[in-house]
Amino acid sequence: EKKILRGWETECPQKRIFLELLRLIKIRRNIRAFHPDCRQEIIQTNNGALFGFARTNGGLEKIFCVSNIGKEEVSMPCFGVENKKGYDLISGEEIAPGDHILFKPYQTRWIQFL
């Protein structure tokens, strides 16, 4: 990682993309539900611009992965465990029970309910 970064300018686009990919990989490594052997199911979002699936680690951990694949901002009602707040693992944003979840164009969220 450090060898690759040495050759890049301080704030070039390649460096920003590389560092963000490393950050996402680190998040995925820490979440057992992302293991390839874990169960995956498609989520009905009732919105053609949103595609979602849930990853489950034997019922112990569940992550909702939802992406806005459209060029418009959209929202959807909170779909998680009732009375539990959610946490977007990518942005760090908290999602209160009953909130609508806002998605910017092409945004992906990995939501875990605590």
C-alpha atoms as a PDB file:
ATOM      1  CA  GLU A   1       0.000   0.000   0.000  1.00  0.00           C
ATOM      2  CA  LYS A   2       2.690   2.527   0.974  1.00  0.00           C
ATOM      3  CA  LYS A   3       4.803   1.694  -2.088  1.00  0.00           C
ATOM      4  CA  ILE A   4       1.837   2.354  -4.381  1.00  0.00           C
ATOM      5  CA  LEU A   5       0.995   5.652  -2.669  1.00  0.00           C
ATOM      6  CA  ARG A   6       4.551   7.009  -2.969  1.00  0.00           C
ATOM      7  CA  GLY A   7       4.293   7.311  -6.750  1.00  0.00           C
ATOM      8  CA  TRP A   8       1.103   9.372  -6.746  1.00  0.00           C
ATOM      9  CA  GLU A   9       0.627  13.085  -6.357  1.00  0.00           C
ATOM     10  CA  THR A  10      -0.812  14.273  -3.058  1.00  0.00           C
ATOM     11  CA  GLU A  11      -4.450  14.424  -4.162  1.00  0.00           C
ATOM     12  CA  CYS A  12      -4.748  12.747  -7.558  1.00  0.00           C
ATOM     13  CA  PRO A  13      -8.011  10.920  -8.398  1.00  0.00           C
ATOM     14  CA  GLN A  14      -6.282   7.520  -8.535  1.00  0.00           C
ATOM     15  CA  LYS A  15      -5.061   7.925  -4.968  1.00  0.00           C
ATOM     16  CA  ARG A  16      -8.510   8.915  -3.674  1.00  0.00           C
ATOM     17  CA  ILE A  17     -10.131   5.930  -5.418  1.00  0.00           C
ATOM     18  CA  PHE A  18      -7.456   3.516  -4.186  1.00  0.00           C
ATOM     19  CA  LEU A  19      -7.773   4.709  -0.580  1.00  0.00           C
ATOM     20  CA  GLU A  20     -11.574   4.465  -0.678  1.00  0.00           C
ATOM     21  CA  LEU A  21     -11.396   0.917  -2.058  1.00  0.00           C
ATOM     22  CA  LEU A  22      -8.988  -0.028   0.732  1.00  0.00           C
ATOM     23  CA  ARG A  23     -11.398   1.439   3.293  1.00  0.00           C
ATOM     24  CA  LEU A  24     -14.332  -0.563   1.873  1.00  0.00           C
ATOM     25  CA  ILE A  25     -12.279  -3.767   1.865  1.00  0.00           C
ATOM     26  CA  LYS A  26     -11.362  -3.213   5.535  1.00  0.00           C
ATOM     27  CA  ILE A  27     -15.030  -2.737   6.432  1.00  0.00           C
ATOM     28  CA  ARG A  28     -15.996  -5.940   4.574  1.00  0.00           C
ATOM     29  CA  ARG A  29     -13.255  -7.936   6.295  1.00  0.00           C
ATOM     30  CA  ASN A  30     -14.672  -7.029   9.718  1.00  0.00           C
ATOM     31  CA  ILE A  31     -18.255  -8.089   8.890  1.00  0.00           C
ATOM     32  CA  ARG A  32     -18.813 -11.841   9.071  1.00  0.00           C
ATOM     33  CA  ALA A  33     -22.021 -11.618   7.017  1.00  0.00           C
ATOM     34  CA  PHE A  34     -19.900 -10.740   3.951  1.00  0.00           C
ATOM     35  CA  HIS A  35     -18.189 -14.142   4.026  1.00  0.00           C
ATOM     36  CA  PRO A  36     -18.797 -15.977   0.693  1.00  0.00           C
ATOM     37  CA  ASP A  37     -20.493 -18.903   2.472  1.00  0.00           C
ATOM     38  CA  CYS A  38     -23.095 -16.704   4.171  1.00  0.00           C
ATOM     39  CA  ARG A  39     -26.704 -16.573   3.034  1.00  0.00           C
ATOM     40  CA  GLN A  40     -27.837 -13.885   0.633  1.00  0.00           C
ATOM     41  CA  GLU A  41     -31.393 -12.878  -0.304  1.00  0.00           C
ATOM     42  CA  ILE A  42     -32.831 -10.205  -2.597  1.00  0.00           C
ATOM     43  CA  ILE A  43     -34.737  -7.356  -0.903  1.00  0.00           C
ATOM     44  CA  GLN A  44     -37.960  -6.001  -2.412  1.00  0.00           C
ATOM     45  CA  THR A  45     -37.372  -2.236  -2.442  1.00  0.00           C
ATOM     46  CA  ASN A  46     -40.552  -1.303  -4.351  1.00  0.00           C
ATOM     47  CA  ASN A  47     -38.485   1.252  -6.245  1.00  0.00           C
ATOM     48  CA  GLY A  48     -37.038   0.520  -9.685  1.00  0.00           C
ATOM     49  CA  ALA A  49     -33.979   2.677  -8.974  1.00  0.00           C
ATOM     50  CA  LEU A  50     -33.025   0.720  -5.844  1.00  0.00           C
ATOM     51  CA  PHE A  51     -31.450  -2.730  -5.867  1.00  0.00           C
ATOM     52  CA  GLY A  52     -30.917  -4.475  -2.558  1.00  0.00           C
ATOM     53  CA  PHE A  53     -29.925  -7.715  -0.935  1.00  0.00           C
ATOM     54  CA  ALA A  54     -29.353  -8.910   2.609  1.00  0.00           C
ATOM     55  CA  ARG A  55     -26.371 -10.915   3.821  1.00  0.00           C
ATOM     56  CA  THR A  56     -26.852 -13.072   6.915  1.00  0.00           C
ATOM     57  CA  ASN A  57     -24.325 -14.853   9.069  1.00  0.00           C
ATOM     58  CA  GLY A  58     -26.399 -17.657  10.535  1.00  0.00           C
ATOM     59  CA  GLY A  59     -28.893 -15.186  12.000  1.00  0.00           C
ATOM     60  CA  LEU A  60     -26.220 -13.579  14.183  1.00  0.00           C
ATOM     61  CA  GLU A  61     -25.456 -10.672  11.894  1.00  0.00           C
ATOM     62  CA  LYS A  62     -27.479  -9.202   9.032  1.00  0.00           C
ATOM     63  CA  ILE A  63     -26.347  -6.510   6.603  1.00  0.00           C
ATOM     64  CA  PHE A  64     -28.690  -4.818   4.136  1.00  0.00           C
ATOM     65  CA  CYS A  65     -26.857  -3.756   0.969  1.00  0.00           C
ATOM     66  CA  VAL A  66     -28.868  -1.287  -1.087  1.00  0.00           C
ATOM     67  CA  SER A  67     -27.730   0.685  -4.147  1.00  0.00           C
ATOM     68  CA  ASN A  68     -29.399   3.502  -6.016  1.00  0.00           C
ATOM     69  CA  ILE A  69     -28.702   2.586  -9.629  1.00  0.00           C
ATOM     70  CA  GLY A  70     -30.443   5.696 -10.957  1.00  0.00           C
ATOM     71  CA  LYS A  71     -29.353   9.265 -11.610  1.00  0.00           C
ATOM     72  CA  GLU A  72     -32.014  10.784  -9.313  1.00  0.00           C
ATOM     73  CA  GLU A  73     -32.068  11.044  -5.528  1.00  0.00           C
ATOM     74  CA  VAL A  74     -34.567   8.577  -4.010  1.00  0.00           C
ATOM     75  CA  SER A  75     -35.670   7.443  -0.578  1.00  0.00           C
ATOM     76  CA  MET A  76     -37.200   4.357   0.938  1.00  0.00           C
ATOM     77  CA  PRO A  77     -38.734   3.571   4.320  1.00  0.00           C
ATOM     78  CA  CYS A  78     -36.527   1.978   6.925  1.00  0.00           C
ATOM     79  CA  PHE A  79     -36.811  -1.799   6.453  1.00  0.00           C
ATOM     80  CA  GLY A  80     -34.831  -3.165   9.352  1.00  0.00           C
ATOM     81  CA  VAL A  81     -35.558  -4.623  12.719  1.00  0.00           C
ATOM     82  CA  GLU A  82     -38.344  -2.710  14.446  1.00  0.00           C
ATOM     83  CA  ASN A  83     -37.238  -0.278  17.177  1.00  0.00           C
ATOM     84  CA  LYS A  84     -33.554  -0.710  16.398  1.00  0.00           C
ATOM     85  CA  LYS A  85     -31.419   2.007  14.934  1.00  0.00           C
ATOM     86  CA  GLY A  86     -29.425   1.320  11.823  1.00  0.00           C
ATOM     87  CA  TYR A  87     -25.908   2.280  10.929  1.00  0.00           C
ATOM     88  CA  ASP A  88     -24.575   2.771   7.410  1.00  0.00           C
ATOM     89  CA  LEU A  89     -21.177   1.081   7.483  1.00  0.00           C
ATOM     90  CA  ILE A  90     -19.969   3.054   4.452  1.00  0.00           C
ATOM     91  CA  SER A  91     -20.959   6.618   5.407  1.00  0.00           C
ATOM     92  CA  GLY A  92     -21.132   6.208   9.174  1.00  0.00           C
ATOM     93  CA  GLU A  93     -24.628   7.712   9.187  1.00  0.00           C
ATOM     94  CA  GLU A  94     -27.143   6.586  11.829  1.00  0.00           C
ATOM     95  CA  ILE A  95     -30.650   5.648  10.723  1.00  0.00           C
ATOM     96  CA  ALA A  96     -33.386   5.999  13.320  1.00  0.00           C
ATOM     97  CA  PRO A  97     -36.274   3.515  13.450  1.00  0.00           C
ATOM     98  CA  GLY A  98     -39.067   4.673  11.155  1.00  0.00           C
ATOM     99  CA  ASP A  99     -36.863   7.075   9.171  1.00  0.00           C
ATOM    100  CA  HIS A 100     -36.839   7.223   5.405  1.00  0.00           C
ATOM    101  CA  ILE A 101     -33.409   6.371   4.045  1.00  0.00           C
ATOM    102  CA  LEU A 102     -32.164   8.862   1.465  1.00  0.00           C
ATOM    103  CA  PHE A 103     -29.988   7.674  -1.435  1.00  0.00           C
ATOM    104  CA  LYS A 104     -27.998  10.061  -3.587  1.00  0.00           C
ATOM    105  CA  PRO A 105     -27.599   9.118  -7.263  1.00  0.00           C
ATOM    106  CA  TYR A 106     -25.488   5.919  -7.551  1.00  0.00           C
ATOM    107  CA  GLN A 107     -25.022   5.703  -3.777  1.00  0.00           C
ATOM    108  CA  THR A 108     -24.637   2.366  -2.015  1.00  0.00           C
ATOM    109  CA  ARG A 109     -25.352   1.757   1.643  1.00  0.00           C
ATOM    110  CA  TRP A 110     -24.410  -1.217   3.811  1.00  0.00           C
ATOM    111  CA  ILE A 111     -26.850  -0.995   6.716  1.00  0.00           C
ATOM    112  CA  GLN A 112     -26.513  -2.904   9.950  1.00  0.00           C
ATOM    113  CA  PHE A 113     -29.167  -2.701  12.677  1.00  0.00           C
ATOM    114  CA  LEU A 114     -27.880  -2.599  16.233  1.00  0.00           C
END
